[in-house]
Amino acid sequence: MKRRIRTRARAHLRRVPLRLRLRRTRGRLLRRLLIAAVLLIASLCTAAVVAYRLTDIPEPHPETVTQSTVFVDDKGSYLGRRGPVDRQEVPLSQVPRYVQDAVIAAENRSFRTDDGVSPRAIARAVLASLTGGERQGGSTITQQYVKNALLSPEQSLSRKAREALIAIKLDRTRSKDDILAGYLNTVYFGRGSAGIQAASRNYFGVDTRNLTVSQGAALASIVNIPSYYEKAGSDPTVTATLKARWTWVLDAMTASGTITARQRAEAAFPAFRFYPPGTTEGQRQYMIDVAAKEAADRLGITEDQLARGGYTVHTTFDLTLQDATTEAVKNLKAGKTSKGGKATTLHTAVVAIKPGDGAVKLLYGGSDYARQPFNDAVGGAVEAGTALDPFNKVRLTAPLTDLRKTPAPTPLKLASAYATVAANGVYAAPYTITKITRNGRQVYTAHPDTRRLLDERDAFMVNAQMSKPFAEGISSPPTAQKTPQTSFTAGAGGGITRRTIWSTTLDPQLTLTVTLFADRPGKKKNTTTPAQLPNDPPPAESAEETAAQIWRLATAGTG
């Protein structure tokens, strides 16, 4: 009986249209769906809260906190760096507000008000990962900082989710200024520059605090595709593309009110340092070698510790004079000849020292650091010949006595000896570092090491001897007697076998020594022996003319 009733009921339901059955059960289905949705949302929220609480903000990668040490010349111009990464941290206070606003306009206009993430960008990234589509960008500045400094560059859905959680936590636990400072100090700008300070120097040759509105907008534009835009200024196509983006950034800044209409009208597309760098920049490594060794000694650390320490080393060098000297010296005939099947190579070393102080203003150690890292100016043992003859009739004390003990002094030591004469007998130990700073704090200041080694009478005698003919027909230039400085040219070897030419010019403000010498491979491997200087052009004339040219450059405008 019951079986027949159930069978009739089923038959009745089959006769009821589906639409009516759904209408009768709609309320129950909606309630079930609503409960399921609430449970799903609650589960997701619970999972998100748990994940958020379990997520820690990781420490930055070691390579993102490693800083290079930067070397600058006596006027603060960028000389070069040492370290595995070209990066120096600067506080946000040293980044002009308009530069900060330019980066925000280019990369994340809602940065000041968002929660550290962009839901729309995250949705695009999730969709692309699920569908196998093209990888999506559009991350906030906070997310970019997390990705660059705290996480691996892996492109996966799990890493993107972790990036978002850390970005949210970072936004809630740190100020926007702290996040922006971290981003600006780690983001890559091209030209090997990690962080805005390195980028400011590599693109424009200035510190971050000295960037103009136009330069700041250009750097902000470069962040988008740094490996492409790094050729700006040397590649016309890249420059034109960057200019269009630069215009877009400035227009956005004007629209948001972060710069005025007048600032926008006055903005001109900036000039960039040429890239890749020229030959004179490679030559600067000779100076950096000497300064790095001295700086490490002064701080009591290794050169590797110095390179990774984020120091700014202020040197005594005059970079403008150094680059001009590089140009002047390269015009000297290379002088590669052959004798007995062995090539003879001409070397040039130039040193300029401030008498009575010891500051080394100029240090030219070779023509090509990549080919010859050995510095002829500070390490080259060069035949003295008659270069020391003016000292023969005076009594010398240490360290000048060392000159008589060796037949081959270095150009630096010889220039230092003549600087003593220029300072009326006061010897000053040569130095290349004026001060060293780190994180805005001065950690070393140079104090000239001076002492009297010659009395004024002996100094006068040496100076007088310099004005007399010396070295088998080589003598001071004819104008030497008519000018405040004294010039003296001497050599080693005689007749057609001359091997070294020294030319020294001095006055109370500067002592300049130019040395020409030649060598050829020795009998043993990796050794050299002195060789004859090429006779065309005459080496004495070449040395004197080069010295006179550099002297004019060094003393221009000094009266």
Protein backbone atom coordinates (compact mmCIF):
# COMPACT_ATOMS: atom_id res chain seq x y z
CA MET A 1 0.00 0.00 0.00
CA LYS A 2 2.71 2.49 1.03
CA ARG A 3 4.69 1.56 -2.06
CA ARG A 4 1.73 2.45 -4.29
CA ILE A 5 1.33 5.83 -2.55
CA ARG A 6 5.00 6.71 -3.08
CA THR A 7 4.80 5.67 -6.70
CA ARG A 8 1.73 7.88 -7.25
CA ALA A 9 3.49 10.83 -5.57
CA ARG A 10 6.48 10.50 -7.85
CA ALA A 11 4.25 10.32 -10.86
CA HIS A 12 2.46 13.45 -9.68
CA LEU A 13 5.76 15.32 -9.28
CA ARG A 14 6.80 14.28 -12.75
CA ARG A 15 3.62 15.83 -14.04
CA VAL A 16 4.37 19.17 -12.17
CA PRO A 17 6.40 21.54 -14.42
CA LEU A 18 10.04 22.24 -13.37
CA ARG A 19 9.27 25.96 -13.26
CA LEU A 20 6.61 25.45 -10.61
CA ARG A 21 8.82 23.15 -8.59
CA LEU A 22 11.68 25.71 -8.60
CA ARG A 23 9.25 28.43 -7.55
CA ARG A 24 8.05 26.33 -4.63
CA THR A 25 11.66 25.57 -3.48
CA ARG A 26 13.25 28.94 -4.39
CA GLY A 27 13.25 30.27 -0.88
CA ARG A 28 14.95 27.19 0.47
CA LEU A 29 17.59 27.26 -2.31
CA LEU A 30 18.32 30.93 -1.72
CA ARG A 31 18.74 30.32 1.97
CA ARG A 32 21.14 27.48 1.27
CA LEU A 33 23.14 29.56 -1.25
CA LEU A 34 23.29 32.48 1.13
CA ILE A 35 24.53 30.28 3.94
CA ALA A 36 27.13 28.75 1.64
CA ALA A 37 28.27 32.22 0.50
CA VAL A 38 28.49 33.47 4.07
CA LEU A 39 30.46 30.39 5.08
CA LEU A 40 32.79 30.83 2.08
CA ILE A 41 33.36 34.52 2.79
CA ALA A 42 33.89 33.78 6.48
CA SER A 43 36.36 31.04 5.60
CA LEU A 44 38.23 33.30 3.22
CA CYS A 45 38.30 36.13 5.75
CA THR A 46 39.46 33.79 8.48
CA ALA A 47 42.15 32.41 6.19
CA ALA A 48 43.21 35.96 5.22
CA VAL A 49 43.37 37.05 8.87
CA VAL A 50 45.35 33.98 9.84
CA ALA A 51 47.67 34.42 6.87
CA TYR A 52 48.11 38.11 7.70
CA ARG A 53 48.96 37.34 11.33
CA LEU A 54 51.34 34.57 10.37
CA THR A 55 53.08 36.74 7.77
CA ASP A 56 56.23 38.44 9.00
CA ILE A 57 57.94 41.32 7.24
CA PRO A 58 61.25 39.78 6.13
CA GLU A 59 64.59 41.51 6.41
CA PRO A 60 65.88 43.11 3.18
CA HIS A 61 68.12 40.98 1.00
CA PRO A 62 71.82 41.58 1.75
CA GLU A 63 72.44 42.87 -1.77
CA THR A 64 69.75 45.53 -1.33
CA VAL A 65 71.36 46.97 1.79
CA THR A 66 74.96 46.73 0.61
CA GLN A 67 76.27 50.15 -0.26
CA SER A 68 79.16 51.20 -2.43
CA THR A 69 81.74 53.78 -1.44
CA VAL A 70 81.81 56.87 -3.63
CA PHE A 71 84.84 59.00 -4.40
CA VAL A 72 84.51 62.70 -5.23
CA ASP A 73 87.06 65.31 -6.23
CA ASP A 74 88.06 68.47 -4.38
CA LYS A 75 84.90 70.24 -5.59
CA GLY A 76 82.55 67.36 -4.84
CA SER A 77 82.24 66.15 -8.43
CA TYR A 78 81.69 62.42 -8.84
CA LEU A 79 84.95 60.59 -9.46
CA GLY A 80 83.95 56.93 -9.22
CA ARG A 81 82.99 54.16 -6.83
CA ARG A 82 84.10 50.91 -5.29
CA GLY A 83 81.77 48.11 -4.25
CA PRO A 84 79.71 45.21 -5.60
CA VAL A 85 76.59 47.35 -6.06
CA ASP A 86 76.42 50.99 -7.12
CA ARG A 87 74.15 52.14 -4.29
CA GLN A 88 74.27 54.71 -1.53
CA GLU A 89 71.41 55.34 0.85
CA VAL A 90 70.11 58.85 1.31
CA PRO A 91 67.44 59.96 3.79
CA LEU A 92 64.17 61.11 2.26
CA SER A 93 64.93 64.60 3.56
CA GLN A 94 67.69 64.81 0.92
CA VAL A 95 65.29 63.95 -1.90
CA PRO A 96 63.49 67.12 -3.05
CA ARG A 97 59.72 66.89 -2.65
CA TYR A 98 59.18 67.44 -6.37
CA VAL A 99 61.40 64.43 -7.11
CA GLN A 100 59.34 62.30 -4.72
CA ASP A 101 56.16 63.55 -6.40
CA ALA A 102 57.58 62.80 -9.86
CA VAL A 103 58.18 59.16 -8.90
CA ILE A 104 54.68 58.90 -7.41
CA ALA A 105 53.18 60.43 -10.57
CA ALA A 106 55.04 57.95 -12.75
CA GLU A 107 54.60 54.79 -10.70
CA ASN A 108 51.67 54.97 -8.26
CA ARG A 109 49.54 58.12 -8.08
CA SER A 110 47.43 56.81 -5.18
CA PHE A 111 50.50 56.01 -3.07
CA ARG A 112 49.83 58.58 -0.36
CA THR A 113 46.28 57.28 0.23
CA ASP A 114 46.20 53.58 -0.75
CA ASP A 115 46.56 50.61 1.60
CA GLY A 116 49.74 49.36 0.00
CA VAL A 117 48.06 47.23 -2.66
CA SER A 118 46.07 47.71 -5.82
CA PRO A 119 43.11 45.26 -5.90
CA ARG A 120 42.67 45.84 -9.60
CA ALA A 121 46.33 45.03 -10.32
CA ILE A 122 46.14 41.93 -8.12
CA ALA A 123 42.99 40.76 -9.95
CA ARG A 124 44.75 41.21 -13.30
CA ALA A 125 47.77 39.25 -12.07
CA VAL A 126 45.58 36.42 -10.72
CA LEU A 127 43.61 36.23 -13.96
CA ALA A 128 46.81 36.18 -16.02
CA SER A 129 48.26 33.39 -13.85
CA LEU A 130 45.10 31.27 -14.08
CA THR A 131 44.66 31.72 -17.81
CA GLY A 132 48.32 31.58 -18.76
CA GLY A 133 48.16 35.11 -20.13
CA GLU A 134 50.87 37.77 -20.23
CA ARG A 135 52.35 38.77 -16.88
CA GLN A 136 50.75 41.85 -15.45
CA GLY A 137 52.38 44.86 -13.76
CA GLY A 138 50.72 47.82 -12.12
CA SER A 139 51.92 47.11 -8.59
CA THR A 140 51.94 49.90 -6.05
CA ILE A 141 55.17 51.49 -4.88
CA THR A 142 54.81 49.50 -1.65
CA GLN A 143 54.46 46.24 -3.58
CA GLN A 144 57.43 47.11 -5.78
CA TYR A 145 59.55 47.77 -2.71
CA VAL A 146 58.50 44.43 -1.20
CA LYS A 147 59.28 42.64 -4.47
CA ASN A 148 62.64 44.40 -5.00
CA ALA A 149 64.03 44.37 -1.48
CA LEU A 150 62.20 41.71 0.55
CA LEU A 151 61.16 38.90 -1.79
CA SER A 152 62.54 36.97 -4.74
CA PRO A 153 61.67 38.10 -8.28
CA GLU A 154 59.77 34.81 -8.86
CA GLN A 155 56.54 35.27 -10.83
CA SER A 156 53.95 33.00 -9.24
CA LEU A 157 50.49 33.30 -7.73
CA SER A 158 51.70 32.32 -4.23
CA ARG A 159 54.51 34.87 -4.29
CA LYS A 160 52.11 37.55 -5.53
CA ALA A 161 49.73 36.74 -2.65
CA ARG A 162 52.56 36.92 -0.12
CA GLU A 163 53.72 40.18 -1.68
CA ALA A 164 50.24 41.64 -1.17
CA LEU A 165 50.05 40.50 2.47
CA ILE A 166 53.48 41.94 3.29
CA ALA A 167 52.62 45.18 1.47
CA ILE A 168 49.45 45.58 3.54
CA LYS A 169 51.29 44.86 6.75
CA LEU A 170 54.10 47.20 5.78
CA ASP A 171 51.62 49.96 5.02
CA ARG A 172 49.97 49.54 8.42
CA THR A 173 53.16 49.36 10.46
CA ARG A 174 55.39 51.91 8.74
CA SER A 175 54.93 55.44 7.51
CA LYS A 176 54.54 56.28 3.86
CA ASP A 177 57.78 58.25 4.03
CA ASP A 178 59.68 55.22 5.33
CA ILE A 179 58.30 53.06 2.53
CA LEU A 180 59.06 55.67 -0.12
CA ALA A 181 62.61 56.09 1.22
CA GLY A 182 63.16 52.32 1.06
CA TYR A 183 61.82 52.20 -2.47
CA LEU A 184 63.93 55.11 -3.73
CA ASN A 185 67.07 53.61 -2.18
CA THR A 186 66.61 50.18 -3.79
CA VAL A 187 64.79 50.59 -7.12
CA TYR A 188 66.94 50.05 -10.21
CA PHE A 189 67.45 53.02 -12.54
CA GLY A 190 69.72 51.52 -15.19
CA ARG A 191 73.40 52.33 -15.79
CA GLY A 192 74.19 50.00 -12.89
CA SER A 193 72.46 52.39 -10.47
CA ALA A 194 70.60 50.87 -7.53
CA GLY A 195 68.83 53.71 -5.79
CA ILE A 196 68.29 57.35 -6.60
CA GLN A 197 71.62 58.66 -5.30
CA ALA A 198 73.64 56.50 -7.68
CA ALA A 199 71.22 57.34 -10.50
CA SER A 200 71.55 61.08 -9.88
CA ARG A 201 75.31 60.85 -10.22
CA ASN A 202 75.39 58.44 -13.15
CA TYR A 203 72.83 60.33 -15.23
CA PHE A 204 73.48 63.94 -14.23
CA GLY A 205 76.67 64.06 -12.15
CA VAL A 206 74.93 65.59 -9.12
CA ASP A 207 73.79 64.50 -5.66
CA THR A 208 70.10 63.74 -5.21
CA ARG A 209 69.52 66.90 -3.19
CA ASN A 210 70.65 68.98 -6.19
CA LEU A 211 68.29 67.46 -8.76
CA THR A 212 66.10 69.91 -10.67
CA VAL A 213 62.41 69.39 -11.42
CA SER A 214 63.29 68.32 -14.97
CA GLN A 215 65.98 65.89 -13.84
CA GLY A 216 63.72 64.40 -11.18
CA ALA A 217 60.95 63.83 -13.72
CA ALA A 218 63.45 62.18 -16.07
CA LEU A 219 64.66 59.74 -13.39
CA ALA A 220 61.05 58.96 -12.47
CA SER A 221 60.35 58.19 -16.13
CA ILE A 222 63.37 55.89 -16.40
CA VAL A 223 62.15 53.52 -13.64
CA ASN A 224 59.54 52.09 -16.02
CA ILE A 225 62.11 50.41 -18.35
CA PRO A 226 65.56 51.21 -16.97
CA SER A 227 67.55 48.85 -19.19
CA TYR A 228 66.12 50.65 -22.24
CA TYR A 229 66.19 54.24 -21.03
CA GLU A 230 69.76 54.07 -19.69
CA LYS A 231 71.00 55.05 -23.18
CA ALA A 232 69.19 58.38 -23.00
CA GLY A 233 71.40 61.16 -24.27
CA SER A 234 73.47 58.91 -26.53
CA ASP A 235 70.75 57.07 -28.50
CA PRO A 236 68.36 59.47 -30.36
CA THR A 237 65.48 56.97 -30.47
CA VAL A 238 65.70 56.19 -26.75
CA THR A 239 66.02 59.89 -25.93
CA ALA A 240 62.89 60.75 -27.93
CA THR A 241 60.89 57.96 -26.28
CA LEU A 242 62.00 59.05 -22.82
CA LYS A 243 61.14 62.67 -23.59
CA ALA A 244 57.56 61.67 -24.38
CA ARG A 245 57.23 59.85 -21.04
CA TRP A 246 58.96 62.76 -19.25
CA THR A 247 56.32 65.10 -20.69
CA TRP A 248 53.57 62.77 -19.47
CA VAL A 249 55.02 62.72 -15.94
CA LEU A 250 55.32 66.52 -15.76
CA ASP A 251 51.76 66.96 -17.06
CA ALA A 252 50.52 64.57 -14.35
CA MET A 253 52.41 66.55 -11.70
CA THR A 254 50.87 69.77 -12.96
CA ALA A 255 47.37 68.26 -12.97
CA SER A 256 47.77 67.05 -9.38
CA GLY A 257 49.15 70.40 -8.23
CA THR A 258 52.54 69.10 -7.08
CA ILE A 259 54.27 71.59 -9.39
CA THR A 260 52.98 74.94 -10.56
CA ALA A 261 52.11 75.90 -14.10
CA ARG A 262 55.17 78.17 -14.08
CA GLN A 263 57.46 75.31 -13.05
CA ARG A 264 55.98 73.22 -15.83
CA ALA A 265 56.52 75.97 -18.39
CA GLU A 266 60.13 76.48 -17.28
CA ALA A 267 60.99 72.77 -17.38
CA ALA A 268 63.37 71.84 -20.19
CA PHE A 269 64.37 68.30 -21.08
CA PRO A 270 67.67 67.76 -19.24
CA ALA A 271 71.09 66.90 -20.67
CA PHE A 272 72.43 63.47 -19.71
CA ARG A 273 75.95 62.31 -19.07
CA PHE A 274 77.11 60.30 -22.05
CA TYR A 275 76.65 56.55 -21.79
CA PRO A 276 78.64 54.38 -21.90
CA PRO A 277 81.37 56.45 -20.21
CA GLY A 278 84.41 57.63 -22.15
CA THR A 279 88.05 56.70 -21.81
CA THR A 280 88.83 59.37 -19.22
CA GLU A 281 86.56 57.62 -16.72
CA GLY A 282 88.58 54.43 -16.99
CA GLN A 283 91.75 56.42 -16.39
CA ARG A 284 90.30 57.67 -13.09
CA GLN A 285 90.72 54.22 -11.61
CA TYR A 286 94.39 55.02 -11.02
CA MET A 287 93.32 57.80 -8.66
CA ILE A 288 90.66 55.68 -7.00
CA ASP A 289 93.19 52.91 -6.34
CA VAL A 290 95.45 55.32 -4.44
CA ALA A 291 92.61 57.05 -2.59
CA ALA A 292 90.95 53.73 -1.61
CA LYS A 293 94.15 52.40 -0.09
CA GLU A 294 94.72 55.60 1.85
CA ALA A 295 91.09 55.78 3.04
CA ALA A 296 91.15 52.17 4.27
CA ASP A 297 94.41 52.84 6.13
CA ARG A 298 93.00 55.96 7.76
CA LEU A 299 89.88 54.11 8.94
CA GLY A 300 91.76 50.99 10.02
CA ILE A 301 89.69 48.67 7.80
CA THR A 302 90.31 46.57 4.71
CA GLU A 303 89.70 47.89 1.23
CA ASP A 304 86.87 45.36 0.84
CA GLN A 305 85.19 46.70 3.98
CA LEU A 306 85.63 50.21 2.64
CA ALA A 307 84.05 49.28 -0.70
CA ARG A 308 80.94 47.86 1.02
CA GLY A 309 80.69 50.49 3.72
CA GLY A 310 78.70 53.26 2.06
CA TYR A 311 81.35 55.92 2.64
CA THR A 312 81.86 59.12 0.69
CA VAL A 313 85.57 59.75 0.23
CA HIS A 314 86.46 63.36 -0.52
CA THR A 315 89.74 63.45 -2.41
CA THR A 316 92.28 66.16 -3.16
CA PHE A 317 92.11 65.57 -6.92
CA ASP A 318 91.07 68.21 -9.42
CA LEU A 319 88.94 66.18 -11.82
CA THR A 320 88.76 68.90 -14.47
CA LEU A 321 92.55 69.13 -14.53
CA GLN A 322 92.84 65.34 -14.51
CA ASP A 323 90.60 64.93 -17.55
CA ALA A 324 92.38 67.77 -19.38
CA THR A 325 95.72 66.13 -18.64
CA THR A 326 94.44 62.83 -20.02
CA GLU A 327 93.54 64.59 -23.25
CA ALA A 328 96.90 66.42 -23.40
CA VAL A 329 98.99 63.33 -22.74
CA LYS A 330 97.23 61.10 -25.25
CA ASN A 331 98.56 63.33 -28.04
CA LEU A 332 102.11 62.23 -27.20
CA LYS A 333 103.44 59.76 -29.71
CA ALA A 334 102.90 56.25 -28.40
CA GLY A 335 106.41 55.45 -29.52
CA LYS A 336 106.11 51.71 -30.04
CA THR A 337 109.24 50.69 -31.90
CA SER A 338 111.10 47.42 -32.14
CA LYS A 339 114.61 46.53 -31.13
CA GLY A 340 115.83 42.98 -31.26
CA GLY A 341 112.27 41.83 -31.94
CA LYS A 342 110.96 43.33 -28.67
CA ALA A 343 108.42 46.14 -28.62
CA THR A 344 109.34 49.35 -26.82
CA THR A 345 106.54 51.18 -25.01
CA LEU A 346 106.41 54.83 -23.99
CA HIS A 347 105.06 55.60 -20.52
CA THR A 348 103.90 58.94 -19.13
CA ALA A 349 103.39 59.82 -15.47
CA VAL A 350 102.20 63.20 -14.17
CA VAL A 351 101.98 64.38 -10.55
CA ALA A 352 100.95 67.77 -9.17
CA ILE A 353 101.27 68.58 -5.44
CA LYS A 354 100.36 71.60 -3.35
CA PRO A 355 103.62 72.75 -1.66
CA GLY A 356 103.59 73.09 2.11
CA ASP A 357 100.38 71.09 2.32
CA GLY A 358 100.93 67.80 0.47
CA ALA A 359 97.56 67.60 -1.28
CA VAL A 360 97.93 65.68 -4.55
CA LYS A 361 95.94 67.65 -7.11
CA LEU A 362 96.80 65.55 -10.16
CA LEU A 363 97.83 61.93 -10.55
CA TYR A 364 98.17 60.51 -14.05
CA GLY A 365 99.40 56.94 -13.76
CA GLY A 366 98.96 55.48 -17.23
CA SER A 367 97.00 55.61 -20.46
CA ASP A 368 94.80 52.54 -20.06
CA TYR A 369 93.85 51.11 -16.67
CA ALA A 370 92.22 48.05 -18.24
CA ARG A 371 95.47 47.16 -20.04
CA GLN A 372 97.87 48.37 -17.36
CA PRO A 373 96.43 48.66 -13.84
CA PHE A 374 99.92 49.36 -12.48
CA ASN A 375 100.19 53.06 -11.58
CA ASP A 376 103.38 54.57 -12.99
CA ALA A 377 102.98 57.76 -10.94
CA VAL A 378 103.10 56.14 -7.50
CA GLY A 379 104.67 52.75 -8.17
CA GLY A 380 106.86 53.21 -11.19
CA ALA A 381 110.59 53.07 -10.41
CA VAL A 382 111.96 55.54 -12.95
CA GLU A 383 115.64 56.22 -13.57
CA ALA A 384 116.54 59.46 -11.83
CA GLY A 385 119.49 60.41 -14.00
CA THR A 386 120.23 64.10 -13.50
CA ALA A 387 116.79 64.86 -12.04
CA LEU A 388 118.30 64.99 -8.52
CA ASP A 389 121.35 67.08 -9.39
CA PRO A 390 119.94 70.31 -7.88
CA PHE A 391 119.99 68.59 -4.46
CA ASN A 392 123.66 67.60 -4.66
CA LYS A 393 125.03 70.59 -2.74
CA VAL A 394 122.58 70.58 0.19
CA ARG A 395 122.22 68.37 3.23
CA LEU A 396 119.13 66.15 3.12
CA THR A 397 117.26 64.46 5.96
CA ALA A 398 114.64 61.71 5.90
CA PRO A 399 112.54 61.12 3.92
CA LEU A 400 114.42 63.07 1.25
CA THR A 401 117.56 61.03 1.96
CA ASP A 402 115.77 58.07 0.38
CA LEU A 403 116.10 59.79 -2.99
CA ARG A 404 119.86 59.43 -2.92
CA LYS A 405 119.64 55.79 -1.87
CA THR A 406 117.78 54.70 -4.98
CA PRO A 407 118.65 55.36 -8.61
CA ALA A 408 114.99 54.94 -9.55
CA PRO A 409 112.53 57.01 -7.48
CA THR A 410 108.80 57.17 -8.17
CA PRO A 411 107.41 60.30 -9.84
CA LEU A 412 105.36 60.99 -6.70
CA LYS A 413 108.44 60.99 -4.47
CA LEU A 414 110.38 63.24 -6.82
CA ALA A 415 107.49 65.70 -7.09
CA SER A 416 107.21 65.68 -3.28
CA ALA A 417 110.92 66.54 -2.98
CA TYR A 418 110.60 69.52 -5.30
CA ALA A 419 107.40 70.60 -3.52
CA THR A 420 109.59 70.90 -0.41
CA VAL A 421 111.77 73.36 -2.31
CA ALA A 422 108.71 75.31 -3.46
CA ALA A 423 107.59 75.59 0.20
CA ASN A 424 110.98 77.06 1.24
CA GLY A 425 112.16 73.80 2.79
CA VAL A 426 108.90 72.67 4.49
CA TYR A 427 108.18 69.06 3.62
CA ALA A 428 104.55 67.94 3.47
CA ALA A 429 103.72 64.23 3.25
CA PRO A 430 101.62 63.63 0.10
CA TYR A 431 97.98 62.75 0.75
CA THR A 432 94.88 62.23 -1.40
CA ILE A 433 92.02 62.26 1.16
CA THR A 434 90.61 65.41 2.77
CA LYS A 435 87.70 63.82 4.64
CA ILE A 436 85.50 60.73 4.78
CA THR A 437 81.79 60.78 5.59
CA ARG A 438 79.20 58.09 6.23
CA ASN A 439 75.45 58.58 6.63
CA GLY A 440 76.03 62.32 6.80
CA ARG A 441 78.58 62.01 9.64
CA GLN A 442 82.24 62.87 9.22
CA VAL A 443 84.41 59.95 10.28
CA TYR A 444 87.82 61.21 9.19
CA THR A 445 89.42 64.61 8.58
CA ALA A 446 92.88 65.05 7.11
CA HIS A 447 95.54 67.10 8.85
CA PRO A 448 98.63 67.88 6.73
CA ASP A 449 101.80 66.28 8.06
CA THR A 450 104.49 68.93 7.65
CA ARG A 451 108.00 69.46 8.98
CA ARG A 452 111.04 71.45 7.93
CA LEU A 453 113.65 69.41 6.09
CA LEU A 454 115.65 72.18 4.41
CA ASP A 455 116.52 75.58 5.74
CA GLU A 456 115.49 78.49 3.56
CA ARG A 457 119.07 78.97 2.30
CA ASP A 458 119.28 75.37 1.05
CA ALA A 459 115.86 75.62 -0.54
CA PHE A 460 117.00 78.77 -2.34
CA MET A 461 120.15 77.01 -3.55
CA VAL A 462 118.17 74.09 -5.00
CA ASN A 463 115.82 76.50 -6.73
CA ALA A 464 118.76 78.42 -8.16
CA GLN A 465 120.39 75.20 -9.40
CA MET A 466 117.16 74.30 -11.21
CA SER A 467 117.54 77.39 -13.38
CA LYS A 468 120.98 76.36 -14.68
CA PRO A 469 121.58 74.13 -17.71
CA PHE A 470 121.67 70.44 -16.87
CA ALA A 471 121.63 66.98 -18.34
CA GLU A 472 123.73 67.19 -21.46
CA GLY A 473 122.08 70.03 -23.23
CA ILE A 474 118.66 69.70 -21.59
CA SER A 475 117.78 72.86 -19.69
CA SER A 476 114.92 74.83 -18.30
CA PRO A 477 112.67 76.56 -20.85
CA PRO A 478 113.84 80.05 -21.88
CA THR A 479 110.84 81.69 -20.24
CA ALA A 480 111.59 80.22 -16.82
CA GLN A 481 113.68 83.21 -15.73
CA LYS A 482 110.90 85.63 -16.66
CA THR A 483 108.02 84.00 -14.78
CA PRO A 484 107.30 83.41 -11.07
CA GLN A 485 107.73 79.64 -11.45
CA THR A 486 110.96 77.70 -11.89
CA SER A 487 111.16 74.95 -14.52
CA PHE A 488 113.76 72.23 -14.83
CA THR A 489 114.13 69.41 -17.34
CA ALA A 490 116.55 66.53 -16.82
CA GLY A 491 117.08 63.02 -18.07
CA ALA A 492 118.68 59.61 -17.70
CA GLY A 493 120.96 58.35 -20.43
CA GLY A 494 122.63 60.57 -22.95
CA GLY A 495 122.85 61.27 -26.65
CA ILE A 496 120.58 58.98 -28.64
CA THR A 497 120.23 56.47 -25.81
CA ARG A 498 118.13 58.65 -23.50
CA ARG A 499 115.75 56.46 -21.48
CA THR A 500 113.96 58.92 -19.16
CA ILE A 501 112.97 62.59 -19.28
CA TRP A 502 111.86 64.49 -16.18
CA SER A 503 110.29 67.95 -16.38
CA THR A 504 109.43 69.76 -13.14
CA THR A 505 107.81 73.17 -12.75
CA LEU A 506 107.12 74.79 -9.41
CA ASP A 507 106.02 77.90 -7.58
CA PRO A 508 104.69 78.42 -4.02
CA GLN A 509 101.21 77.22 -5.06
CA LEU A 510 101.97 74.12 -7.14
CA THR A 511 104.66 71.63 -8.07
CA LEU A 512 104.19 69.71 -11.30
CA THR A 513 106.32 66.80 -12.52
CA VAL A 514 105.96 65.15 -15.94
CA THR A 515 107.92 61.97 -16.62
CA LEU A 516 108.48 60.20 -19.92
CA PHE A 517 110.22 56.84 -19.92
CA ALA A 518 110.35 53.73 -22.06
CA ASP A 519 110.69 50.03 -21.42
CA ARG A 520 110.61 46.72 -23.24
CA PRO A 521 110.04 43.11 -22.12
CA GLY A 522 112.89 41.68 -20.06
CA LYS A 523 114.59 38.34 -20.45
CA LYS A 524 112.45 36.82 -17.71
CA LYS A 525 108.70 36.47 -18.01
CA ASN A 526 106.62 39.46 -16.75
CA THR A 527 109.68 41.69 -16.36
CA THR A 528 110.75 44.86 -18.18
CA THR A 529 113.99 46.68 -18.76
CA PRO A 530 114.62 50.38 -19.53
CA ALA A 531 114.59 51.20 -23.21
CA GLN A 532 115.52 54.12 -25.42
CA LEU A 533 112.88 56.83 -25.80
CA PRO A 534 111.71 57.42 -29.38
CA ASN A 535 113.60 60.34 -30.92
CA ASP A 536 110.76 61.64 -33.08
CA PRO A 537 109.51 63.93 -31.71
CA PRO A 538 112.44 64.85 -29.44
CA PRO A 539 111.47 63.56 -25.96
CA ALA A 540 112.81 66.59 -24.04
CA GLU A 541 110.69 68.95 -26.13
CA SER A 542 107.65 66.71 -25.71
CA ALA A 543 108.04 66.66 -21.93
CA GLU A 544 108.56 70.42 -21.70
CA GLU A 545 105.64 71.22 -23.98
CA THR A 546 103.34 68.82 -22.14
CA ALA A 547 104.41 70.22 -18.76
CA ALA A 548 103.86 73.79 -19.98
CA GLN A 549 100.39 72.92 -21.29
CA ILE A 550 99.34 71.21 -18.07
CA TRP A 551 100.82 74.05 -16.01
CA ARG A 552 98.70 76.58 -17.89
CA LEU A 553 95.61 74.46 -17.26
CA ALA A 554 96.44 74.05 -13.58
CA THR A 555 97.16 77.71 -12.90
CA ALA A 556 94.50 79.29 -15.11
CA GLY A 557 92.60 81.90 -13.15
CA THR A 558 94.93 81.81 -10.15
CA GLY A 559 96.61 85.06 -11.09
